[in-house]
């Protein structure tokens, strides 16, 4: 759905508190003549036949003015101008991909959960394992996950979407402390481990299970960090502290049989360390 300048301001005025103005279409912007010429030259150079399938659009939607007026009506408004870097872009949105490493600015991966961005009959949704691993990998690199679920003509989701979100919800119910309000901590990944931290100094080491790993391993090994001698090491979803031993610059956590056979969740398990050395 497209909105005019005045319609956007109406939305900012008459519908209560707004947190985000998310503008899809970062290619829509004002371009100078030199910018247009450079864009055409680049496209011609990238086309083996010299044939260009689309034109470069010069469309000034007065973004600076729009954002300033919107923020007057909604103080603290976050604006996402998609792919146009600048003052009107509070964070960037890699689409259907996850960066290999953390980015130097706020970011959020926009990922299709099944089918397409809009409703797709008979869509095949990602598995609960894929979704949980995706979430953990993104958060460990300092990003947010926007998971797209497209409603049908009647406003309902397909059963695959309900099943997927149910699995994600069950996992987050156990492991929320490793996700919500967390911060990245270098080196972010350690083999099958992803790590996050909290303001209180606690650090979480999330083990991503392989497809065939339905039972927790006997030991979980971390090579990049070691707990302090007085640290408490636990598994989210289990109350008893775990035993661990130092190994090189890292540590190895022993998982009791009682926990292994009755793990608190599926797909990924989070070790919490109250304090690093």
Protein backbone atom coordinates (compact mmCIF):
# COMPACT_ATOMS: atom_id res chain seq x y z
CA UNK A 1 0.00 0.00 0.00
CA UNK A 2 1.33 3.43 -0.93
CA UNK A 3 0.76 6.61 1.07
CA UNK A 4 1.08 10.27 0.17
CA UNK A 5 2.99 12.75 2.32
CA UNK A 6 -0.23 13.98 3.94
CA UNK A 7 -1.50 10.44 4.55
CA UNK A 8 1.68 9.54 6.40
CA UNK A 9 1.25 12.58 8.64
CA UNK A 10 -2.38 11.61 9.20
CA UNK A 11 -1.23 8.19 10.39
CA UNK A 12 1.21 9.91 12.74
CA UNK A 13 -1.58 12.14 14.10
CA UNK A 14 -4.77 10.15 14.51
CA UNK A 15 -3.83 6.62 15.54
CA UNK A 16 -2.11 6.90 18.91
CA UNK A 17 1.52 6.27 19.84
CA UNK A 18 3.78 5.22 16.98
CA UNK A 19 7.19 3.64 17.53
CA UNK A 20 8.47 3.03 13.99
CA UNK A 21 7.88 4.59 10.57
CA UNK A 22 9.12 1.83 8.25
CA UNK A 23 9.35 2.96 4.63
CA UNK A 24 9.71 0.13 2.11
CA UNK A 25 11.33 1.42 -1.06
CA UNK A 26 14.78 2.74 -0.33
CA UNK A 27 15.46 3.10 -4.05
CA UNK A 28 12.94 5.97 -4.16
CA UNK A 29 14.97 9.14 -3.60
CA UNK A 30 16.10 12.36 -5.21
CA UNK A 31 19.05 11.95 -7.58
CA UNK A 32 21.17 14.56 -9.26
CA UNK A 33 21.91 14.38 -13.00
CA UNK A 34 25.45 13.19 -12.27
CA UNK A 35 24.12 10.41 -9.99
CA UNK A 36 21.71 9.27 -12.70
CA UNK A 37 24.48 9.19 -15.32
CA UNK A 38 26.76 7.20 -13.00
CA UNK A 39 23.97 4.71 -12.28
CA UNK A 40 23.35 4.14 -15.98
CA UNK A 41 27.07 3.76 -16.67
CA UNK A 42 27.35 1.19 -13.91
CA UNK A 43 24.34 -0.80 -15.15
CA UNK A 44 25.64 -0.81 -18.73
CA UNK A 45 29.02 -2.02 -17.50
CA UNK A 46 27.36 -4.85 -15.56
CA UNK A 47 25.24 -5.99 -18.53
CA UNK A 48 27.06 -8.28 -21.02
CA UNK A 49 24.59 -7.36 -23.77
CA UNK A 50 24.48 -3.66 -22.92
CA UNK A 51 20.71 -3.95 -22.49
CA UNK A 52 19.19 -2.37 -19.38
CA UNK A 53 15.92 -3.80 -18.08
CA UNK A 54 14.89 -0.90 -15.84
CA UNK A 55 15.38 2.83 -15.66
CA UNK A 56 16.88 4.93 -12.90
CA UNK A 57 14.10 6.80 -11.12
CA UNK A 58 14.56 10.34 -9.87
CA UNK A 59 11.76 10.87 -7.35
CA UNK A 60 12.05 13.46 -4.61
CA UNK A 61 9.61 12.53 -1.85
CA UNK A 62 10.98 15.26 0.45
CA UNK A 63 12.20 12.73 2.97
CA UNK A 64 13.91 15.26 5.25
CA UNK A 65 10.71 17.27 5.50
CA UNK A 66 8.52 14.20 5.99
CA UNK A 67 10.65 12.77 8.78
CA UNK A 68 10.96 16.11 10.59
CA UNK A 69 7.18 16.60 10.56
CA UNK A 70 6.52 13.00 11.58
CA UNK A 71 8.88 13.32 14.55
CA UNK A 72 7.18 16.51 15.64
CA UNK A 73 3.97 14.52 15.93
CA UNK A 74 5.66 11.41 17.34
CA UNK A 75 8.71 12.37 19.47
CA UNK A 76 11.29 9.59 19.59
CA UNK A 77 9.99 8.04 16.38
CA UNK A 78 12.34 5.48 14.79
CA UNK A 79 12.54 5.83 11.02
CA UNK A 80 13.69 3.18 8.57
CA UNK A 81 14.33 4.53 5.08
CA UNK A 82 15.45 1.08 3.93
CA UNK A 83 18.60 1.18 1.77
CA UNK A 84 19.23 4.93 1.88
CA UNK A 85 21.99 5.57 4.41
CA UNK A 86 21.77 8.88 6.26
CA UNK A 87 20.06 10.79 9.03
CA UNK A 88 16.65 9.33 8.19
CA UNK A 89 17.90 5.77 8.57
CA UNK A 90 17.90 4.78 12.24
CA UNK A 91 18.82 1.21 11.40
CA UNK A 92 19.48 -0.92 8.32
CA UNK A 93 17.56 -3.99 7.17
CA UNK A 94 19.45 -6.80 5.42
CA UNK A 95 16.71 -8.63 3.50
CA UNK A 96 16.52 -12.43 3.59
CA UNK A 97 20.12 -12.70 4.71
CA UNK A 98 22.23 -12.55 7.85
CA UNK A 99 25.58 -10.73 7.88
CA UNK A 100 28.62 -12.91 8.44
CA UNK A 101 29.86 -10.59 11.18
CA UNK A 102 28.34 -7.87 13.41
CA UNK A 103 27.59 -4.57 11.68
CA UNK A 104 28.81 -1.20 13.00
CA UNK A 105 25.28 0.21 13.25
CA UNK A 106 21.84 -0.98 14.42
CA UNK A 107 20.39 -3.59 12.07
CA UNK A 108 17.55 -6.03 11.64
CA UNK A 109 17.37 -9.00 9.26
CA UNK A 110 14.00 -9.24 7.50
CA UNK A 111 13.38 -12.92 6.77
CA UNK A 112 10.49 -14.71 5.04
CA UNK A 113 9.28 -17.56 7.27
CA UNK A 114 7.50 -19.38 4.43
CA UNK A 115 6.24 -18.75 0.91
CA UNK A 116 6.74 -15.09 0.07
CA UNK A 117 6.31 -11.67 1.61
CA UNK A 118 2.63 -11.86 0.72
CA UNK A 119 0.27 -14.83 1.06
CA UNK A 120 1.39 -17.95 -0.81
CA UNK A 121 -1.07 -20.88 -1.00
CA UNK A 122 0.46 -24.07 0.38
CA UNK A 123 3.57 -22.28 1.64
CA UNK A 124 6.33 -24.42 3.14
CA UNK A 125 7.58 -22.84 6.37
CA UNK A 126 11.05 -23.10 7.86
CA UNK A 127 11.44 -25.63 10.64
CA UNK A 128 11.52 -24.76 14.31
CA UNK A 129 15.22 -25.65 14.38
CA UNK A 130 15.98 -23.33 11.47
CA UNK A 131 14.06 -20.46 13.08
CA UNK A 132 15.65 -20.87 16.51
CA UNK A 133 19.15 -21.08 15.06
CA UNK A 134 18.43 -18.06 12.86
CA UNK A 135 17.27 -16.02 15.84
CA UNK A 136 20.25 -16.97 17.99
CA UNK A 137 22.77 -16.28 15.22
CA UNK A 138 21.29 -12.83 14.52
CA UNK A 139 21.07 -11.79 18.17
CA UNK A 140 24.63 -12.98 18.86
CA UNK A 141 25.81 -10.58 16.14
CA UNK A 142 23.90 -7.67 17.68
CA UNK A 143 20.91 -7.68 15.33
CA UNK A 144 17.15 -8.07 15.53
CA UNK A 145 15.02 -10.59 13.64
CA UNK A 146 11.92 -9.51 11.74
CA UNK A 147 10.20 -12.77 10.79
CA UNK A 148 7.59 -12.27 8.07
CA UNK A 149 4.32 -14.22 8.31
CA UNK A 150 1.80 -13.42 5.57
CA UNK A 151 -1.94 -13.70 6.38
CA UNK A 152 -4.40 -15.19 3.91
CA UNK A 153 -7.38 -13.38 2.35
CA UNK A 154 -9.43 -14.07 5.51
CA UNK A 155 -6.71 -12.68 7.78
CA UNK A 156 -5.73 -16.10 9.13
CA UNK A 157 -2.31 -17.71 8.95
CA UNK A 158 -1.62 -21.11 7.50
CA UNK A 159 -1.15 -23.92 10.00
CA UNK A 160 2.57 -24.06 9.22
CA UNK A 161 2.97 -20.53 10.54
CA UNK A 162 1.14 -21.32 13.78
CA UNK A 163 3.29 -24.44 14.24
CA UNK A 164 6.50 -22.51 13.60
CA UNK A 165 5.71 -19.67 15.99
CA UNK A 166 4.55 -22.17 18.60
CA UNK A 167 7.95 -23.86 18.50
CA UNK A 168 9.78 -20.54 18.67
CA UNK A 169 7.60 -19.43 21.57
CA UNK A 170 8.30 -22.64 23.50
CA UNK A 171 12.05 -22.15 23.04
CA UNK A 172 12.00 -18.46 24.01
CA UNK A 173 9.93 -19.22 27.12
CA UNK A 174 12.94 -21.16 28.41
CA UNK A 175 15.77 -19.13 26.91
CA UNK A 176 14.46 -15.57 26.89
CA UNK A 177 17.23 -14.28 29.21
CA UNK A 178 19.80 -15.11 26.49
CA UNK A 179 17.81 -13.13 23.91
CA UNK A 180 15.83 -10.22 25.34
CA UNK A 181 17.82 -7.04 26.15
CA UNK A 182 21.02 -8.96 25.44
CA UNK A 183 24.23 -7.56 24.00
CA UNK A 184 26.79 -9.13 21.69
CA UNK A 185 30.09 -10.25 23.14
CA UNK A 186 33.20 -11.02 21.08
CA UNK A 187 34.04 -13.29 19.39
CA UNK A 188 30.25 -13.76 18.91
CA UNK A 189 30.60 -17.32 17.60
CA UNK A 190 32.71 -20.25 18.72
CA UNK A 191 32.11 -23.28 16.51
CA UNK A 192 28.54 -24.42 17.30
CA UNK A 193 28.34 -21.87 20.11
CA UNK A 194 26.73 -18.42 19.90
CA UNK A 195 27.17 -16.01 22.79
CA UNK A 196 25.31 -13.06 24.29
CA UNK A 197 25.65 -11.03 27.48
CA UNK A 198 23.52 -9.03 29.89
CA UNK A 199 24.06 -5.79 31.81
CA UNK A 200 24.54 -7.69 35.07
CA UNK A 201 27.69 -9.33 33.68
CA UNK A 202 26.19 -12.72 32.97
CA UNK A 203 27.12 -14.38 29.68
CA UNK A 204 25.18 -17.00 27.74
CA UNK A 205 26.76 -19.66 25.55
CA UNK A 206 24.08 -21.12 23.27
CA UNK A 207 24.87 -24.52 21.74
CA UNK A 208 23.23 -25.00 18.31
CA UNK A 209 22.33 -28.65 17.90
CA UNK A 210 22.82 -30.43 14.58
CA UNK A 211 19.82 -31.89 12.77
CA UNK A 212 20.50 -35.33 14.22
CA UNK A 213 21.16 -34.10 17.77
CA UNK A 214 17.95 -34.74 19.66
CA UNK A 215 19.72 -35.41 22.97
CA UNK A 216 22.09 -33.00 24.68
CA UNK A 217 25.79 -33.88 24.47
CA UNK A 218 27.67 -35.14 27.51
CA UNK A 219 29.84 -32.03 27.44
CA UNK A 220 29.62 -28.55 25.96
CA UNK A 221 32.98 -26.99 25.15
CA UNK A 222 33.72 -23.25 24.92
CA UNK A 223 37.20 -22.22 23.75
CA UNK A 224 37.00 -18.41 23.89
CA UNK A 225 36.03 -17.59 27.50
CA UNK A 226 36.42 -19.03 30.97
CA UNK A 227 34.24 -18.48 34.07
CA UNK A 228 35.63 -16.84 37.18
CA UNK A 229 36.47 -19.28 39.98
CA UNK A 230 33.39 -18.18 41.95
CA UNK A 231 31.05 -18.13 38.94
CA UNK A 232 27.77 -20.01 38.94
CA UNK A 233 27.27 -22.06 35.76
CA UNK A 234 23.74 -23.24 34.94
CA UNK A 235 21.59 -24.41 32.05
CA UNK A 236 18.58 -22.21 31.29
CA UNK A 237 15.48 -24.21 32.15
CA UNK A 238 17.29 -26.29 34.79
CA UNK A 239 17.85 -25.11 38.36
CA UNK A 240 20.86 -27.14 39.55
CA UNK A 241 24.34 -25.69 38.93
CA UNK A 242 26.58 -27.53 36.50
CA UNK A 243 30.13 -28.69 37.05
CA UNK A 244 32.82 -27.39 34.73
CA UNK A 245 36.57 -27.55 34.23
CA UNK A 246 39.05 -25.18 32.68
CA UNK A 247 40.56 -26.18 29.35
CA UNK A 248 43.05 -23.92 27.58
CA UNK A 249 41.57 -20.44 27.43
CA UNK A 250 38.06 -21.84 27.73
CA UNK A 251 36.06 -24.36 29.71
CA UNK A 252 34.07 -27.57 29.41
CA UNK A 253 30.64 -28.01 31.01
CA UNK A 254 29.46 -31.48 32.03
CA UNK A 255 25.77 -32.19 31.34
CA UNK A 256 24.26 -34.71 33.82
CA UNK A 257 22.37 -37.68 32.44
CA UNK A 258 19.18 -36.51 34.16
CA UNK A 259 19.32 -33.26 32.18
CA UNK A 260 20.40 -34.85 28.91
CA UNK A 261 17.45 -37.24 28.75
CA UNK A 262 14.97 -34.54 29.73
CA UNK A 263 16.31 -31.35 28.22
CA UNK A 264 14.36 -28.14 28.96
CA UNK A 265 13.96 -27.32 25.23
CA UNK A 266 14.79 -28.44 21.72
CA UNK A 267 17.23 -27.31 19.02
CA UNK A 268 19.57 -25.11 21.11
CA UNK A 269 20.67 -25.08 24.76
CA UNK A 270 21.92 -22.04 26.67
CA UNK A 271 24.63 -22.24 29.32
CA UNK A 272 24.58 -19.25 31.68
CA UNK A 273 27.78 -18.08 33.34
CA UNK A 274 27.29 -15.51 36.11
CA UNK A 275 30.78 -14.05 35.77
CA UNK A 276 33.77 -14.44 33.50
CA UNK A 277 37.29 -14.34 34.87
